[in-house]
Protein backbone atom coordinates (compact mmCIF):
# COMPACT_ATOMS: atom_id res chain seq x y z
CA UNK A 1 0.00 0.00 0.00
CA UNK A 2 2.84 2.39 0.81
CA UNK A 3 4.42 1.91 -2.62
CA UNK A 4 1.04 2.37 -4.28
CA UNK A 5 0.40 5.63 -2.46
CA UNK A 6 3.90 6.77 -3.40
CA UNK A 7 3.28 5.93 -7.05
CA UNK A 8 0.01 7.89 -6.98
CA UNK A 9 1.69 10.94 -5.46
CA UNK A 10 4.56 10.76 -7.95
CA UNK A 11 2.15 10.44 -10.87
CA UNK A 12 0.02 13.32 -9.66
CA UNK A 13 3.03 15.61 -9.17
CA UNK A 14 4.33 14.84 -12.66
CA UNK A 15 0.99 15.20 -14.45
CA UNK A 16 -0.27 18.14 -12.37
CA UNK A 17 3.10 19.82 -11.86
CA UNK A 18 1.90 23.44 -12.39
CA UNK A 19 -0.74 22.97 -9.69
CA UNK A 20 1.22 20.86 -7.22
CA UNK A 21 4.68 22.40 -7.50
CA UNK A 22 4.01 25.02 -4.77
CA UNK A 23 3.21 22.10 -2.42
CA UNK A 24 6.02 19.68 -3.23
CA UNK A 25 8.76 22.25 -3.77
CA UNK A 26 8.39 23.75 -0.29
CA UNK A 27 6.86 20.91 1.74
CA UNK A 28 7.37 21.45 5.47
CA UNK A 29 9.69 24.43 5.02
CA UNK A 30 9.17 27.91 6.42
CA UNK A 31 9.52 31.01 4.25
CA UNK A 32 12.81 31.76 5.99
CA UNK A 33 14.16 28.25 5.32
CA UNK A 34 13.21 28.54 1.66
CA UNK A 35 14.84 31.95 1.24
CA UNK A 36 17.94 31.09 3.29
CA UNK A 37 21.30 30.51 1.62
CA UNK A 38 23.00 27.22 2.51
CA UNK A 39 26.53 25.92 1.98
CA UNK A 40 26.41 24.30 -1.45
CA UNK A 41 24.11 26.81 -3.11
CA UNK A 42 27.17 28.20 -4.85
CA UNK A 43 27.34 25.10 -7.05
CA UNK A 44 24.09 26.15 -8.75
CA UNK A 45 24.01 29.95 -8.36
CA UNK A 46 21.42 30.42 -11.12
CA UNK A 47 19.18 27.37 -10.69
CA UNK A 48 16.60 26.43 -13.28
CA UNK A 49 14.64 24.63 -10.60
CA UNK A 50 14.72 22.58 -7.45
CA UNK A 51 13.04 22.39 -4.07
CA UNK A 52 13.56 23.03 -0.36
CA UNK A 53 11.77 20.79 2.11
CA UNK A 54 12.04 20.50 5.88
CA UNK A 55 10.86 18.58 8.90
CA UNK A 56 11.11 19.03 12.67
CA UNK A 57 12.68 16.13 14.53
CA UNK A 58 12.47 15.76 18.30
CA UNK A 59 16.15 14.99 18.76
CA UNK A 60 19.51 16.80 18.74
CA UNK A 61 21.37 17.17 15.46
CA UNK A 62 23.97 14.65 16.69
CA UNK A 63 21.28 11.96 16.64
CA UNK A 64 20.26 12.77 13.05
CA UNK A 65 23.72 13.09 11.50
CA UNK A 66 24.54 9.33 11.51
CA UNK A 67 21.40 8.59 9.47
CA UNK A 68 22.34 11.17 6.85
CA UNK A 69 25.93 9.98 6.58
CA UNK A 70 24.89 6.41 5.81
CA UNK A 71 22.43 7.09 2.99
CA UNK A 72 23.29 5.49 -0.31
CA UNK A 73 22.48 2.49 -2.48
CA UNK A 74 25.46 0.57 -1.09
CA UNK A 75 24.87 1.68 2.50
CA UNK A 76 21.63 2.23 4.40
CA UNK A 77 19.39 3.04 1.46
CA UNK A 78 17.41 6.27 1.09
CA UNK A 79 14.48 5.63 3.46
CA UNK A 80 12.02 6.43 0.69
CA UNK A 81 9.69 4.23 -1.39
CA UNK A 82 11.97 1.19 -1.60
CA UNK A 83 9.71 -0.83 -3.89
CA UNK A 84 9.48 2.00 -6.42
CA UNK A 85 13.26 2.42 -6.36
CA UNK A 86 13.78 -1.28 -6.92
CA UNK A 87 11.33 -1.43 -9.79
CA UNK A 88 13.81 0.67 -11.76
CA UNK A 89 16.74 -1.49 -10.66
CA UNK A 90 18.19 0.50 -7.76
CA UNK A 91 18.56 -2.60 -5.55
CA UNK A 92 17.90 -0.56 -2.42
CA UNK A 93 17.67 -2.12 1.03
CA UNK A 94 16.67 0.45 3.66
CA UNK A 95 17.97 -0.20 7.15
CA UNK A 96 16.39 0.68 10.48
CA UNK A 97 19.57 0.97 12.52
CA UNK A 98 22.86 2.85 12.52
CA UNK A 99 25.58 1.23 10.42
CA UNK A 100 28.78 1.69 12.41
CA UNK A 101 30.96 0.89 9.40
CA UNK A 102 29.33 3.63 7.29
CA UNK A 103 29.93 6.63 9.54
CA UNK A 104 33.15 7.95 8.03
CA UNK A 105 32.57 10.43 5.25
CA UNK A 106 34.73 13.08 3.62
CA UNK A 107 34.74 15.39 0.63
CA UNK A 108 35.63 13.40 -2.44
CA UNK A 109 33.79 10.25 -1.38
CA UNK A 110 30.96 9.13 -3.63
CA UNK A 111 27.23 8.57 -3.23
CA UNK A 112 25.73 5.71 -5.22
CA UNK A 113 22.14 6.39 -6.29
CA UNK A 114 21.76 3.46 -8.71
CA UNK A 115 24.20 0.67 -9.62
CA UNK A 116 24.40 1.95 -13.20
CA UNK A 117 24.18 5.68 -12.53
CA UNK A 118 27.18 8.04 -12.37
CA UNK A 119 28.69 8.43 -8.91
CA UNK A 120 27.73 11.61 -7.07
CA UNK A 121 30.68 13.19 -5.21
CA UNK A 122 30.48 14.39 -1.64
CA UNK A 123 30.88 18.16 -1.94
CA UNK A 124 30.57 19.44 1.64
CA UNK A 125 30.95 17.85 5.06
CA UNK A 126 30.40 20.06 8.11
CA UNK A 127 30.09 17.62 11.00
CA UNK A 128 26.62 17.74 12.49
CA UNK A 129 25.57 20.70 10.36
CA UNK A 130 25.79 20.30 6.59
CA UNK A 131 26.17 17.42 4.17
CA UNK A 132 26.02 18.06 0.42
CA UNK A 133 26.37 15.90 -2.67
CA UNK A 134 27.04 16.98 -6.23
CA UNK A 135 28.79 19.99 -7.70
CA UNK A 136 29.34 21.50 -11.11
CA UNK A 137 29.67 19.25 -14.13
CA UNK A 138 30.59 22.04 -16.58
CA UNK A 139 30.01 25.77 -17.04
CA UNK A 140 26.36 25.15 -17.86
CA UNK A 141 25.49 22.33 -15.49
CA UNK A 142 25.34 22.14 -11.71
CA UNK A 143 23.50 19.81 -9.34
CA UNK A 144 23.65 20.00 -5.56
CA UNK A 145 21.75 18.01 -2.92
CA UNK A 146 22.05 19.67 0.49
CA UNK A 147 21.13 18.50 3.98
CA UNK A 148 21.25 21.19 6.67
CA UNK A 149 20.68 20.66 10.39
CA UNK A 150 19.49 23.53 12.56
CA UNK A 151 19.13 22.57 16.21
CA UNK A 152 16.56 24.53 18.20
CA UNK A 153 16.72 23.56 21.86
CA UNK A 154 15.93 19.85 22.16
CA UNK A 155 14.65 19.54 18.58
CA UNK A 156 16.24 20.00 15.17
CA UNK A 157 15.04 21.27 11.82
CA UNK A 158 16.27 19.03 9.01
CA UNK A 159 16.29 21.00 5.76
CA UNK A 160 16.86 19.23 2.46
CA UNK A 161 17.40 21.12 -0.77
CA UNK A 162 18.11 20.12 -4.35
CA UNK A 163 19.09 22.75 -6.90
CA UNK A 164 19.89 22.16 -10.56
CA UNK A 165 21.28 24.35 -13.30
CA UNK A 166 21.48 23.37 -16.96
CA UNK A 167 22.03 24.66 -20.48
CA UNK A 168 18.66 25.86 -21.68
CA UNK A 169 16.96 23.39 -24.01
CA UNK A 170 13.53 21.80 -24.32
CA UNK A 171 15.00 18.39 -23.55
CA UNK A 172 16.65 19.56 -20.33
CA UNK A 173 13.49 21.36 -19.24
CA UNK A 174 11.41 18.20 -19.70
CA UNK A 175 13.95 15.93 -18.00
CA UNK A 176 14.74 18.19 -15.06
CA UNK A 177 11.65 20.33 -14.43
CA UNK A 178 8.91 17.92 -15.47
CA UNK A 179 10.41 14.60 -14.42
CA UNK A 180 13.38 14.71 -12.04
CA UNK A 181 12.08 17.60 -9.94
CA UNK A 182 8.61 16.29 -9.01
CA UNK A 183 9.78 12.68 -8.70
CA UNK A 184 12.76 13.65 -6.57
CA UNK A 185 10.64 15.90 -4.35
CA UNK A 186 8.13 13.15 -3.61
CA UNK A 187 10.87 10.64 -2.85
CA UNK A 188 12.73 13.13 -0.64
CA UNK A 189 9.56 13.99 1.28
CA UNK A 190 9.15 10.31 2.13
CA UNK A 191 12.82 10.17 3.14
CA UNK A 192 12.41 13.05 5.59
CA UNK A 193 9.30 11.50 7.15
CA UNK A 194 11.04 8.14 7.56
CA UNK A 195 14.24 9.61 9.00
CA UNK A 196 12.16 11.52 11.55
CA UNK A 197 10.45 8.28 12.64
CA UNK A 198 13.71 6.34 12.81
CA UNK A 199 15.59 9.03 14.73
CA UNK A 200 12.82 9.65 17.26
CA UNK A 201 12.24 5.93 17.78
CA UNK A 202 15.91 5.22 18.38
CA UNK A 203 16.44 8.36 20.48
CA UNK A 204 13.67 7.57 22.95
CA UNK A 205 14.11 3.80 23.20
Foldseek 3Di string as FASTA:
>chain_A
DQLVVLVVQLVCCLVVVVVCVVCLQEPAHDPCQFPDDDPPCVLPVPFPDKGKYKDKAQAALLLLLQVVQQDAQPGQHLQFSVVVLPVVQQNRDHDLDGDPVRRDDDFQDWGHRGPPDDTWTWHDDDDSAKTKTWGAPDPFWTWMWMWGWDDDVSMIMTMIMITIGHDDDPVCCCCVVSRVRSSVSSRVVSSNVRSSVSSNVVVVD
